[in-house]
């Protein structure tokens, strides 16, 4: 689960590298944050119903991605 949340946490910076002019692109947008929050809620309900490993990995991946975007939203450049 640590690996899934770590991958989710670094994926926005992999998709929108800081050394390009596109650094706050689609991967750092509020719409992606909203979509991932919805997917997290859905995967959490699936996890509670089925207790499947895939759902748990997906939940932690989304949690890592959401954490990254939440922390980026507190920086001066914020989210797009």
C-alpha atoms as a PDB file:
ATOM      1  CA  UNK A   1       0.000   0.000   0.000  1.00  0.00           C
ATOM      2  CA  UNK A   2       2.973   2.272   0.630  1.00  0.00           C
ATOM      3  CA  UNK A   3       4.087   1.788  -2.975  1.00  0.00           C
ATOM      4  CA  UNK A   4       0.638   2.586  -4.372  1.00  0.00           C
ATOM      5  CA  UNK A   5       0.332   5.800  -2.363  1.00  0.00           C
ATOM      6  CA  UNK A   6       3.912   6.791  -3.238  1.00  0.00           C
ATOM      7  CA  UNK A   7       3.254   6.347  -6.946  1.00  0.00           C
ATOM      8  CA  UNK A   8       0.050   8.350  -6.628  1.00  0.00           C
ATOM      9  CA  UNK A   9       1.931  11.040  -4.736  1.00  0.00           C
ATOM     10  CA  UNK A  10       4.662  11.542  -7.339  1.00  0.00           C
ATOM     11  CA  UNK A  11       2.583  11.000 -10.478  1.00  0.00           C
ATOM     12  CA  UNK A  12       1.424  14.643 -10.850  1.00  0.00           C
ATOM     13  CA  UNK A  13       5.036  15.829 -10.946  1.00  0.00           C
ATOM     14  CA  UNK A  14       5.932  13.110 -13.438  1.00  0.00           C
ATOM     15  CA  UNK A  15       3.071  14.149 -15.732  1.00  0.00           C
ATOM     16  CA  UNK A  16       3.750  17.903 -15.321  1.00  0.00           C
ATOM     17  CA  UNK A  17       7.506  18.260 -14.688  1.00  0.00           C
ATOM     18  CA  UNK A  18       8.644  21.424 -12.896  1.00  0.00           C
ATOM     19  CA  UNK A  19      11.284  22.274 -15.491  1.00  0.00           C
ATOM     20  CA  UNK A  20       8.748  22.895 -18.260  1.00  0.00           C
ATOM     21  CA  UNK A  21       6.406  25.838 -18.770  1.00  0.00           C
ATOM     22  CA  UNK A  22       3.484  23.431 -18.396  1.00  0.00           C
ATOM     23  CA  UNK A  23       4.209  22.674 -14.732  1.00  0.00           C
ATOM     24  CA  UNK A  24       0.751  23.392 -13.469  1.00  0.00           C
ATOM     25  CA  UNK A  25      -1.023  21.609 -16.300  1.00  0.00           C
ATOM     26  CA  UNK A  26      -3.848  19.106 -16.351  1.00  0.00           C
ATOM     27  CA  UNK A  27      -2.290  16.799 -13.750  1.00  0.00           C
ATOM     28  CA  UNK A  28      -2.303  19.723 -11.277  1.00  0.00           C
ATOM     29  CA  UNK A  29      -5.828  20.954 -11.980  1.00  0.00           C
ATOM     30  CA  UNK A  30      -8.836  21.282  -9.743  1.00  0.00           C
ATOM     31  CA  UNK A  31     -10.969  19.170 -12.085  1.00  0.00           C
ATOM     32  CA  UNK A  32      -8.564  16.217 -11.739  1.00  0.00           C
ATOM     33  CA  UNK A  33      -8.666  16.686  -7.969  1.00  0.00           C
ATOM     34  CA  UNK A  34     -12.463  16.562  -8.044  1.00  0.00           C
ATOM     35  CA  UNK A  35     -12.506  13.466 -10.263  1.00  0.00           C
ATOM     36  CA  UNK A  36      -9.996  11.658  -8.044  1.00  0.00           C
ATOM     37  CA  UNK A  37     -11.949  12.533  -4.903  1.00  0.00           C
ATOM     38  CA  UNK A  38     -15.049  11.000  -6.513  1.00  0.00           C
ATOM     39  CA  UNK A  39     -13.090   7.898  -7.541  1.00  0.00           C
ATOM     40  CA  UNK A  40     -11.694   7.616  -4.014  1.00  0.00           C
ATOM     41  CA  UNK A  41     -15.160   7.693  -2.500  1.00  0.00           C
ATOM     42  CA  UNK A  42     -16.375   5.082  -4.998  1.00  0.00           C
ATOM     43  CA  UNK A  43     -13.345   2.839  -4.411  1.00  0.00           C
ATOM     44  CA  UNK A  44     -13.804   3.187  -0.655  1.00  0.00           C
ATOM     45  CA  UNK A  45     -17.377   1.922  -0.895  1.00  0.00           C
ATOM     46  CA  UNK A  46     -16.201  -0.912  -3.149  1.00  0.00           C
ATOM     47  CA  UNK A  47     -13.467  -1.718  -0.658  1.00  0.00           C
ATOM     48  CA  UNK A  48     -15.928  -1.822   2.211  1.00  0.00           C
ATOM     49  CA  UNK A  49     -18.228  -4.124   0.251  1.00  0.00           C
ATOM     50  CA  UNK A  50     -15.762  -6.583  -1.272  1.00  0.00           C
ATOM     51  CA  UNK A  51     -12.448  -6.315   0.632  1.00  0.00           C
ATOM     52  CA  UNK A  52     -10.517  -6.847  -2.608  1.00  0.00           C
ATOM     53  CA  UNK A  53      -6.810  -6.126  -2.885  1.00  0.00           C
ATOM     54  CA  UNK A  54      -7.274  -4.221  -6.164  1.00  0.00           C
ATOM     55  CA  UNK A  55      -9.716  -1.847  -4.506  1.00  0.00           C
ATOM     56  CA  UNK A  56      -7.331  -1.269  -1.636  1.00  0.00           C
ATOM     57  CA  UNK A  57      -4.414  -0.524  -3.961  1.00  0.00           C
ATOM     58  CA  UNK A  58      -6.597   1.830  -6.002  1.00  0.00           C
ATOM     59  CA  UNK A  59      -7.782   3.581  -2.840  1.00  0.00           C
ATOM     60  CA  UNK A  60      -4.214   4.208  -1.658  1.00  0.00           C
ATOM     61  CA  UNK A  61      -3.142   5.377  -5.133  1.00  0.00           C
ATOM     62  CA  UNK A  62      -5.971   7.915  -5.222  1.00  0.00           C
ATOM     63  CA  UNK A  63      -5.176   8.960  -1.657  1.00  0.00           C
ATOM     64  CA  UNK A  64      -1.545   9.666  -2.620  1.00  0.00           C
ATOM     65  CA  UNK A  65      -2.574  11.680  -5.672  1.00  0.00           C
ATOM     66  CA  UNK A  66      -5.165  13.660  -3.705  1.00  0.00           C
ATOM     67  CA  UNK A  67      -2.625  14.353  -0.955  1.00  0.00           C
ATOM     68  CA  UNK A  68      -0.160  15.728  -3.499  1.00  0.00           C
ATOM     69  CA  UNK A  69      -2.741  18.030  -5.064  1.00  0.00           C
ATOM     70  CA  UNK A  70      -4.042  19.136  -1.666  1.00  0.00           C
ATOM     71  CA  UNK A  71      -0.556  20.088  -0.526  1.00  0.00           C
ATOM     72  CA  UNK A  72       0.186  21.813  -3.848  1.00  0.00           C
ATOM     73  CA  UNK A  73      -2.965  23.890  -3.456  1.00  0.00           C
ATOM     74  CA  UNK A  74      -1.429  25.516  -0.362  1.00  0.00           C
ATOM     75  CA  UNK A  75       1.629  26.783  -2.303  1.00  0.00           C
ATOM     76  CA  UNK A  76       1.715  30.269  -3.844  1.00  0.00           C
ATOM     77  CA  UNK A  77       1.285  28.896  -7.380  1.00  0.00           C
ATOM     78  CA  UNK A  78      -1.624  26.700  -6.250  1.00  0.00           C
ATOM     79  CA  UNK A  79      -3.579  24.509  -8.637  1.00  0.00           C
ATOM     80  CA  UNK A  80      -4.645  25.388 -12.129  1.00  0.00           C
END
